[in-house]
C-alpha atoms as a PDB file:
ATOM      1  CA  MET A   1     -19.170  22.796  24.107  1.00  0.00           C
ATOM      2  CA  THR A   2     -16.835  20.350  22.366  1.00  0.00           C
ATOM      3  CA  ASP A   3     -13.503  21.517  21.021  1.00  0.00           C
ATOM      4  CA  PRO A   4     -13.995  21.839  17.210  1.00  0.00           C
ATOM      5  CA  LYS A   5     -10.291  21.256  16.645  1.00  0.00           C
ATOM      6  CA  ARG A   6     -10.393  17.954  18.542  1.00  0.00           C
ATOM      7  CA  TYR A   7     -13.857  16.609  17.760  1.00  0.00           C
ATOM      8  CA  VAL A   8     -15.041  16.574  14.155  1.00  0.00           C
ATOM      9  CA  ARG A   9     -18.098  15.258  12.344  1.00  0.00           C
ATOM     10  CA  PRO A  10     -18.394  14.256   8.669  1.00  0.00           C
ATOM     11  CA  TYR A  11     -19.164  17.038   6.215  1.00  0.00           C
ATOM     12  CA  GLY A  12     -21.591  16.677   3.317  1.00  0.00           C
ATOM     13  CA  ASP A  13     -23.707  19.704   2.425  1.00  0.00           C
ATOM     14  CA  THR A  14     -23.026  21.932   5.437  1.00  0.00           C
ATOM     15  CA  THR A  15     -20.355  21.927   8.133  1.00  0.00           C
ATOM     16  CA  GLY A  16     -20.970  19.327  10.809  1.00  0.00           C
ATOM     17  CA  ASP A  17     -24.078  17.806   9.198  1.00  0.00           C
ATOM     18  CA  GLY A  18     -22.682  14.278   9.644  1.00  0.00           C
ATOM     19  CA  MET A  19     -23.443  13.232   6.068  1.00  0.00           C
ATOM     20  CA  ILE A  20     -21.484  10.272   4.675  1.00  0.00           C
ATOM     21  CA  GLN A  21     -21.577   8.087   1.578  1.00  0.00           C
ATOM     22  CA  THR A  22     -20.861   4.379   1.606  1.00  0.00           C
ATOM     23  CA  SER A  23     -21.132   1.492  -0.836  1.00  0.00           C
ATOM     24  CA  PHE A  24     -21.608  -2.251  -0.447  1.00  0.00           C
ATOM     25  CA  THR A  25     -23.046  -5.362  -2.074  1.00  0.00           C
ATOM     26  CA  LEU A  26     -25.802  -7.640  -0.766  1.00  0.00           C
ATOM     27  CA  PRO A  27     -26.654 -11.171  -1.960  1.00  0.00           C
ATOM     28  CA  VAL A  28     -30.178 -10.044  -2.891  1.00  0.00           C
ATOM     29  CA  PRO A  29     -31.627  -9.859  -6.441  1.00  0.00           C
ATOM     30  CA  PHE A  30     -31.946  -6.322  -7.831  1.00  0.00           C
ATOM     31  CA  GLY A  31     -35.284  -4.651  -7.106  1.00  0.00           C
ATOM     32  CA  PRO A  32     -37.309  -2.727  -4.499  1.00  0.00           C
ATOM     33  CA  LYS A  33     -36.735  -5.369  -1.821  1.00  0.00           C
ATOM     34  CA  ALA A  34     -33.000  -5.089  -2.332  1.00  0.00           C
ATOM     35  CA  ASP A  35     -33.180  -1.312  -1.861  1.00  0.00           C
ATOM     36  CA  GLY A  36     -35.164  -1.839   1.309  1.00  0.00           C
ATOM     37  CA  ALA A  37     -32.578  -4.316   2.591  1.00  0.00           C
ATOM     38  CA  ALA A  38     -29.796  -1.808   1.900  1.00  0.00           C
ATOM     39  CA  GLN A  39     -31.662   0.930   3.748  1.00  0.00           C
ATOM     40  CA  GLN A  40     -32.231  -1.391   6.719  1.00  0.00           C
ATOM     41  CA  LEU A  41     -28.534  -2.232   6.862  1.00  0.00           C
ATOM     42  CA  ALA A  42     -27.600   1.459   6.660  1.00  0.00           C
ATOM     43  CA  ASN A  43     -29.963   2.244   9.534  1.00  0.00           C
ATOM     44  CA  LYS A  44     -28.364  -0.497  11.623  1.00  0.00           C
ATOM     45  CA  MET A  45     -24.973   1.007  10.816  1.00  0.00           C
ATOM     46  CA  GLY A  46     -26.141   4.249  12.416  1.00  0.00           C
ATOM     47  CA  MET A  47     -27.127   6.168   9.283  1.00  0.00           C
ATOM     48  CA  ASP A  48     -30.412   7.976   9.924  1.00  0.00           C
ATOM     49  CA  PRO A  49     -31.910   9.122   7.667  1.00  0.00           C
ATOM     50  CA  ALA A  50     -30.359   6.927   4.979  1.00  0.00           C
ATOM     51  CA  MET A  51     -31.037   7.206   1.259  1.00  0.00           C
ATOM     52  CA  VAL A  52     -30.225   4.575  -1.354  1.00  0.00           C
ATOM     53  CA  VAL A  53     -28.990   6.898  -4.099  1.00  0.00           C
ATOM     54  CA  HIS A  54     -27.826   4.163  -6.472  1.00  0.00           C
ATOM     55  CA  SER A  55     -28.385   0.453  -6.944  1.00  0.00           C
ATOM     56  CA  SER A  56     -27.464  -1.850  -9.791  1.00  0.00           C
ATOM     57  CA  PRO A  57     -27.574  -5.623 -10.378  1.00  0.00           C
ATOM     58  CA  ILE A  58     -24.437  -7.750 -10.248  1.00  0.00           C
ATOM     59  CA  GLY A  59     -25.553 -10.901 -12.005  1.00  0.00           C
ATOM     60  CA  ASP A  60     -28.890 -12.474 -11.043  1.00  0.00           C
ATOM     61  CA  ASP A  61     -28.510 -12.736  -7.277  1.00  0.00           C
ATOM     62  CA  PHE A  62     -26.500  -9.709  -6.104  1.00  0.00           C
ATOM     63  CA  THR A  63     -27.023  -5.945  -5.968  1.00  0.00           C
ATOM     64  CA  PHE A  64     -24.534  -3.129  -5.522  1.00  0.00           C
ATOM     65  CA  PHE A  65     -25.603  -0.022  -3.564  1.00  0.00           C
ATOM     66  CA  VAL A  66     -24.481   3.506  -2.834  1.00  0.00           C
ATOM     67  CA  VAL A  67     -26.103   4.942   0.292  1.00  0.00           C
ATOM     68  CA  TYR A  68     -26.040   8.542   1.515  1.00  0.00           C
ATOM     69  CA  GLY A  69     -27.056   9.497   5.013  1.00  0.00           C
ATOM     70  CA  SER A  70     -26.299  11.169   8.325  1.00  0.00           C
ATOM     71  CA  VAL A  71     -24.431   9.758  11.326  1.00  0.00           C
ATOM     72  CA  LYS A  72     -24.263  11.136  14.856  1.00  0.00           C
ATOM     73  CA  HIS A  73     -20.769   9.925  15.671  1.00  0.00           C
ATOM     74  CA  LEU A  74     -17.906  12.295  16.428  1.00  0.00           C
ATOM     75  CA  VAL A  75     -14.250  11.668  15.624  1.00  0.00           C
ATOM     76  CA  ASP A  76     -11.856  12.354  18.504  1.00  0.00           C
ATOM     77  CA  LEU A  77      -8.630  13.411  16.785  1.00  0.00           C
ATOM     78  CA  ASP A  78      -6.661  12.992  20.019  1.00  0.00           C
ATOM     79  CA  GLU A  79      -7.404   9.269  19.906  1.00  0.00           C
ATOM     80  CA  VAL A  80      -6.267   8.793  16.304  1.00  0.00           C
ATOM     81  CA  LYS A  81      -3.092   6.693  16.201  1.00  0.00           C
ATOM     82  CA  VAL A  82      -1.062   6.598  13.004  1.00  0.00           C
ATOM     83  CA  VAL A  83       2.562   6.359  11.928  1.00  0.00           C
ATOM     84  CA  GLU A  84       3.646   9.804  10.822  1.00  0.00           C
ATOM     85  CA  ARG A  85       6.676  10.333   8.631  1.00  0.00           C
ATOM     86  CA  GLU A  86       9.572  11.391  10.859  1.00  0.00           C
ATOM     87  CA  TYR A  87      12.017  12.062   8.048  1.00  0.00           C
ATOM     88  CA  PRO A  88      12.124  14.618   5.203  1.00  0.00           C
ATOM     89  CA  LEU A  89      11.221  13.718   1.644  1.00  0.00           C
ATOM     90  CA  LEU A  90      14.352  13.963  -0.473  1.00  0.00           C
ATOM     91  CA  SER A  91      14.797  14.468  -4.197  1.00  0.00           C
ATOM     92  CA  PRO A  92      16.675  11.761  -6.141  1.00  0.00           C
ATOM     93  CA  ALA A  93      19.735  14.026  -6.221  1.00  0.00           C
ATOM     94  CA  GLU A  94      19.591  14.472  -2.439  1.00  0.00           C
ATOM     95  CA  VAL A  95      19.174  10.722  -1.923  1.00  0.00           C
ATOM     96  CA  ASN A  96      22.197  10.011  -4.110  1.00  0.00           C
ATOM     97  CA  SER A  97      24.440  12.632  -2.530  1.00  0.00           C
ATOM     98  CA  THR A  98      23.523  11.630   1.022  1.00  0.00           C
ATOM     99  CA  LEU A  99      24.049   7.914   0.433  1.00  0.00           C
ATOM    100  CA  LYS A 100      27.377   8.578  -1.242  1.00  0.00           C
ATOM    101  CA  LYS A 101      28.483  10.588   1.787  1.00  0.00           C
ATOM    102  CA  VAL A 102      27.112   8.192   4.430  1.00  0.00           C
ATOM    103  CA  LEU A 103      27.935   4.796   2.885  1.00  0.00           C
ATOM    104  CA  ARG A 104      30.658   5.626   0.340  1.00  0.00           C
ATOM    105  CA  ARG A 105      29.222   2.824  -1.772  1.00  0.00           C
ATOM    106  CA  LYS A 106      25.917   1.883  -3.323  1.00  0.00           C
ATOM    107  CA  LEU A 107      23.062   0.894  -1.012  1.00  0.00           C
ATOM    108  CA  VAL A 108      21.890  -2.607  -1.979  1.00  0.00           C
ATOM    109  CA  VAL A 109      18.147  -3.295  -2.076  1.00  0.00           C
ATOM    110  CA  VAL A 110      16.664  -6.756  -2.676  1.00  0.00           C
ATOM    111  CA  GLY A 111      12.927  -6.926  -3.294  1.00  0.00           C
ATOM    112  CA  GLY A 112      10.182  -9.296  -4.296  1.00  0.00           C
ATOM    113  CA  CYS A 113       6.728 -10.759  -3.634  1.00  0.00           C
ATOM    114  CA  ILE A 114       6.997 -13.663  -1.198  1.00  0.00           C
ATOM    115  CA  GLY A 115       4.921 -16.820  -0.854  1.00  0.00           C
ATOM    116  CA  THR A 116       2.423 -17.608  -3.582  1.00  0.00           C
ATOM    117  CA  ASP A 117       1.742 -13.938  -4.300  1.00  0.00           C
ATOM    118  CA  ALA A 118       2.080 -13.361  -8.052  1.00  0.00           C
ATOM    119  CA  HIS A 119       1.078  -9.683  -7.994  1.00  0.00           C
ATOM    120  CA  THR A 120       4.192  -7.655  -8.785  1.00  0.00           C
ATOM    121  CA  VAL A 121       2.423  -4.349  -9.430  1.00  0.00           C
ATOM    122  CA  GLY A 122       3.315  -3.028  -5.976  1.00  0.00           C
ATOM    123  CA  ILE A 123       6.968  -4.007  -5.834  1.00  0.00           C
ATOM    124  CA  ASP A 124       7.454  -2.970  -9.471  1.00  0.00           C
ATOM    125  CA  ALA A 125       5.944   0.456  -8.742  1.00  0.00           C
ATOM    126  CA  ILE A 126       8.651   1.019  -6.127  1.00  0.00           C
ATOM    127  CA  LEU A 127      11.639  -0.707  -7.733  1.00  0.00           C
ATOM    128  CA  ASN A 128      11.248  -0.397 -11.513  1.00  0.00           C
ATOM    129  CA  ILE A 129      12.680   2.688 -13.136  1.00  0.00           C
ATOM    130  CA  LYS A 130       9.270   3.661 -14.534  1.00  0.00           C
ATOM    131  CA  GLY A 131       8.071   4.147 -10.964  1.00  0.00           C
ATOM    132  CA  PHE A 132       4.679   5.332  -9.778  1.00  0.00           C
ATOM    133  CA  ALA A 133       2.701   8.559  -9.345  1.00  0.00           C
ATOM    134  CA  GLY A 134       5.076  10.535 -11.518  1.00  0.00           C
ATOM    135  CA  GLU A 135       8.162   9.451  -9.561  1.00  0.00           C
ATOM    136  CA  LYS A 136      10.993   7.287 -10.850  1.00  0.00           C
ATOM    137  CA  GLY A 137      11.515   3.933  -9.135  1.00  0.00           C
ATOM    138  CA  LEU A 138      14.564   2.992  -7.084  1.00  0.00           C
ATOM    139  CA  GLU A 139      16.369   1.631 -10.168  1.00  0.00           C
ATOM    140  CA  TYR A 140      16.660   5.264 -11.272  1.00  0.00           C
ATOM    141  CA  TYR A 141      18.798   6.229  -8.265  1.00  0.00           C
ATOM    142  CA  ARG A 142      22.505   6.205  -9.070  1.00  0.00           C
ATOM    143  CA  GLU A 143      23.576   5.253  -5.536  1.00  0.00           C
ATOM    144  CA  LEU A 144      21.193   2.297  -5.241  1.00  0.00           C
ATOM    145  CA  LYS A 145      21.762  -1.215  -6.516  1.00  0.00           C
ATOM    146  CA  VAL A 146      18.349  -2.851  -6.958  1.00  0.00           C
ATOM    147  CA  VAL A 147      17.761  -6.596  -7.269  1.00  0.00           C
ATOM    148  CA  ASN A 148      14.126  -7.344  -8.103  1.00  0.00           C
ATOM    149  CA  LEU A 149      13.394 -11.046  -7.588  1.00  0.00           C
ATOM    150  CA  GLY A 150       9.847 -10.747  -8.950  1.00  0.00           C
ATOM    151  CA  ALA A 151       6.900 -12.869  -7.853  1.00  0.00           C
ATOM    152  CA  GLN A 152       6.372 -16.028  -5.790  1.00  0.00           C
ATOM    153  CA  VAL A 153       9.738 -15.828  -4.064  1.00  0.00           C
ATOM    154  CA  SER A 154      10.203 -18.349  -1.255  1.00  0.00           C
ATOM    155  CA  VAL A 155      11.484 -17.082   2.069  1.00  0.00           C
ATOM    156  CA  PRO A 156      14.661 -19.232   1.911  1.00  0.00           C
ATOM    157  CA  GLU A 157      15.354 -17.873  -1.580  1.00  0.00           C
ATOM    158  CA  LEU A 158      14.904 -14.314  -0.329  1.00  0.00           C
ATOM    159  CA  VAL A 159      17.316 -14.890   2.557  1.00  0.00           C
ATOM    160  CA  ARG A 160      19.892 -16.497   0.234  1.00  0.00           C
ATOM    161  CA  SER A 161      19.656 -13.634  -2.248  1.00  0.00           C
ATOM    162  CA  ALA A 162      19.957 -11.009   0.485  1.00  0.00           C
ATOM    163  CA  ARG A 163      23.075 -12.734   1.807  1.00  0.00           C
ATOM    164  CA  ALA A 164      24.619 -13.168  -1.635  1.00  0.00           C
ATOM    165  CA  GLU A 165      24.008  -9.536  -2.553  1.00  0.00           C
ATOM    166  CA  LYS A 166      25.032  -8.268   0.915  1.00  0.00           C
ATOM    167  CA  ALA A 167      21.735  -6.404   1.010  1.00  0.00           C
ATOM    168  CA  ASP A 168      21.320  -3.327   3.163  1.00  0.00           C
ATOM    169  CA  ALA A 169      17.543  -3.502   2.813  1.00  0.00           C
ATOM    170  CA  VAL A 170      14.952  -6.098   1.827  1.00  0.00           C
ATOM    171  CA  LEU A 171      11.617  -4.902   0.457  1.00  0.00           C
ATOM    172  CA  ILE A 172       8.710  -7.321   0.221  1.00  0.00           C
ATOM    173  CA  SER A 173       5.268  -6.715  -1.237  1.00  0.00           C
ATOM    174  CA  GLN A 174       2.077  -8.593  -0.359  1.00  0.00           C
ATOM    175  CA  VAL A 175      -1.194  -8.090  -2.225  1.00  0.00           C
ATOM    176  CA  VAL A 176      -2.910 -11.423  -1.548  1.00  0.00           C
ATOM    177  CA  THR A 177      -4.607 -11.195   1.861  1.00  0.00           C
ATOM    178  CA  GLN A 178      -6.912 -14.232   2.039  1.00  0.00           C
ATOM    179  CA  ARG A 179      -6.756 -15.867   5.486  1.00  0.00           C
ATOM    180  CA  ASP A 180      -4.224 -13.204   6.544  1.00  0.00           C
ATOM    181  CA  ALA A 181      -1.619 -14.638   4.164  1.00  0.00           C
ATOM    182  CA  HIS A 182       0.145 -11.259   3.991  1.00  0.00           C
ATOM    183  CA  ILE A 183       0.628 -11.203   7.768  1.00  0.00           C
ATOM    184  CA  LEU A 184       1.732 -14.831   8.092  1.00  0.00           C
ATOM    185  CA  ASN A 185       4.144 -14.607   5.140  1.00  0.00           C
ATOM    186  CA  THR A 186       5.757 -11.452   6.480  1.00  0.00           C
ATOM    187  CA  GLN A 187       6.136 -12.884   9.974  1.00  0.00           C
ATOM    188  CA  GLU A 188       7.730 -16.006   8.487  1.00  0.00           C
ATOM    189  CA  MET A 189      10.114 -13.828   6.487  1.00  0.00           C
ATOM    190  CA  SER A 190      11.211 -11.688   9.433  1.00  0.00           C
ATOM    191  CA  ALA A 191      11.689 -14.752  11.646  1.00  0.00           C
ATOM    192  CA  ALA A 192      13.845 -16.380   8.973  1.00  0.00           C
ATOM    193  CA  PHE A 193      16.108 -13.341   8.742  1.00  0.00           C
ATOM    194  CA  ARG A 194      16.450 -13.139  12.521  1.00  0.00           C
ATOM    195  CA  GLU A 195      17.375 -16.826  12.684  1.00  0.00           C
ATOM    196  CA  ALA A 196      19.780 -16.706   9.746  1.00  0.00           C
ATOM    197  CA  MET A 197      21.493 -13.372  10.380  1.00  0.00           C
ATOM    198  CA  GLY A 198      20.588 -12.147  13.849  1.00  0.00           C
ATOM    199  CA  ASP A 199      21.484  -8.507  14.494  1.00  0.00           C
ATOM    200  CA  ARG A 200      23.337  -8.365  11.177  1.00  0.00           C
ATOM    201  CA  ARG A 201      20.140  -8.792   9.182  1.00  0.00           C
ATOM    202  CA  PRO A 202      19.287  -6.147   6.594  1.00  0.00           C
ATOM    203  CA  LEU A 203      16.612  -3.527   7.051  1.00  0.00           C
ATOM    204  CA  LEU A 204      13.232  -5.226   6.539  1.00  0.00           C
ATOM    205  CA  VAL A 205      10.466  -3.260   4.843  1.00  0.00           C
ATOM    206  CA  ALA A 206       6.989  -4.616   4.040  1.00  0.00           C
ATOM    207  CA  GLY A 207       4.377  -3.027   1.812  1.00  0.00           C
ATOM    208  CA  GLY A 208       0.907  -3.708   0.505  1.00  0.00           C
ATOM    209  CA  PRO A 209      -2.592  -2.205   0.311  1.00  0.00           C
ATOM    210  CA  ARG A 210      -3.912  -4.091   3.350  1.00  0.00           C
ATOM    211  CA  PHE A 211      -1.000  -3.467   5.680  1.00  0.00           C
ATOM    212  CA  ASP A 212      -1.346  -1.058   8.595  1.00  0.00           C
ATOM    213  CA  PRO A 213       1.875   0.924   9.237  1.00  0.00           C
ATOM    214  CA  LEU A 214       1.274   0.374  12.964  1.00  0.00           C
ATOM    215  CA  MET A 215       1.881  -3.364  12.437  1.00  0.00           C
ATOM    216  CA  ALA A 216       5.678  -3.164  12.098  1.00  0.00           C
ATOM    217  CA  GLY A 217       6.320  -4.592  15.562  1.00  0.00           C
ATOM    218  CA  GLU A 218       3.769  -7.377  15.134  1.00  0.00           C
ATOM    219  CA  LEU A 219       5.262  -8.320  11.775  1.00  0.00           C
ATOM    220  CA  GLY A 220       8.854  -8.151  12.982  1.00  0.00           C
ATOM    221  CA  VAL A 221       9.926  -5.610  10.362  1.00  0.00           C
ATOM    222  CA  ASP A 222      11.464  -2.157  10.546  1.00  0.00           C
ATOM    223  CA  ARG A 223       8.866  -0.340   8.486  1.00  0.00           C
ATOM    224  CA  VAL A 224       5.476  -0.939   6.901  1.00  0.00           C
ATOM    225  CA  PHE A 225       4.190   1.041   3.939  1.00  0.00           C
ATOM    226  CA  SER A 226       0.550   0.916   2.873  1.00  0.00           C
ATOM    227  CA  ARG A 227      -1.375   1.942  -0.243  1.00  0.00           C
ATOM    228  CA  GLY A 228      -0.322   5.032  -2.150  1.00  0.00           C
ATOM    229  CA  THR A 229       3.340   4.883  -1.099  1.00  0.00           C
ATOM    230  CA  THR A 230       5.669   6.399  -3.682  1.00  0.00           C
ATOM    231  CA  PRO A 231       9.260   5.440  -4.575  1.00  0.00           C
ATOM    232  CA  GLY A 232      10.467   8.761  -3.196  1.00  0.00           C
ATOM    233  CA  GLU A 233       9.007   7.980   0.224  1.00  0.00           C
ATOM    234  CA  VAL A 234      10.763   4.614   0.319  1.00  0.00           C
ATOM    235  CA  ALA A 235      14.079   6.045  -0.906  1.00  0.00           C
ATOM    236  CA  SER A 236      13.914   8.817   1.689  1.00  0.00           C
ATOM    237  CA  TYR A 237      13.180   6.277   4.417  1.00  0.00           C
ATOM    238  CA  LEU A 238      16.165   4.163   3.389  1.00  0.00           C
ATOM    239  CA  VAL A 239      18.412   7.223   3.658  1.00  0.00           C
ATOM    240  CA  HIS A 240      16.967   8.044   7.084  1.00  0.00           C
ATOM    241  CA  ALA A 241      17.490   4.458   8.267  1.00  0.00           C
ATOM    242  CA  MET A 242      21.067   4.323   7.014  1.00  0.00           C
ATOM    243  CA  GLN A 243      21.863   7.635   8.702  1.00  0.00           C
ATOM    244  CA  ALA A 244      20.452   6.302  11.971  1.00  0.00           C
ATOM    245  CA  LYS A 245      22.423   3.074  11.623  1.00  0.00           C
ATOM    246  CA  LYS A 246      25.657   4.976  11.032  1.00  0.00           C
ATOM    247  CA  GLY A 247      24.902   7.526  13.752  1.00  0.00           C
ATOM    248  CA  VAL A 248      24.872  10.388  11.254  1.00  0.00           C
ATOM    249  CA  ALA A 249      22.580  13.368  11.869  1.00  0.00           C
ATOM    250  CA  ALA A 250      20.045  14.067   9.118  1.00  0.00           C
END
């Protein structure tokens, strides 16, 4: 018997039935043949039986599908590798009091969207006072000085601003991912900071919906945040990082 706490199967109608739901688009005109093509693809993906429970046209030559079906695969939880939060989530008051004690000055954060990325929704969700998911952004924190450079910031401009502001941390957001632009831009940014400032560089934090938190080493940054990250998580991480830098126990 397999260990039910280690090996799990998708759940749909009953425990362990392996039922999943997935959606996709095919470049096939809407109609019975399109449904048949979707079912064939689902079967090749390992869904058996597979049911096309929804299909709808997208223009003249494309069809969107929702498919429901059973898979035989098991998930081995012991083989799942993720970055788990190793620090406590702090309230704004706790962030402020801890930073005041550890730094005895305001922590300086410089942020922006680098390269040609004009999507500021991510960086604004973290930095702007209005925040995200019911949490205030970093501008709300009394012991943080936030400099939001906005969109389409060049790497040299980011480095200059970080130097001028004596930044403790640099936060960059990347939404555009065509041709791995988010990866290449972030690697360029981290290399520029290493070249310009060496070991005295600020903390480098990257975020975006297509980033994998396991990529920090590959990207040359200290931390990677993915989709759904809240301002409180970032603020708590900055406190944790500053405590580690100063050799102060949490």
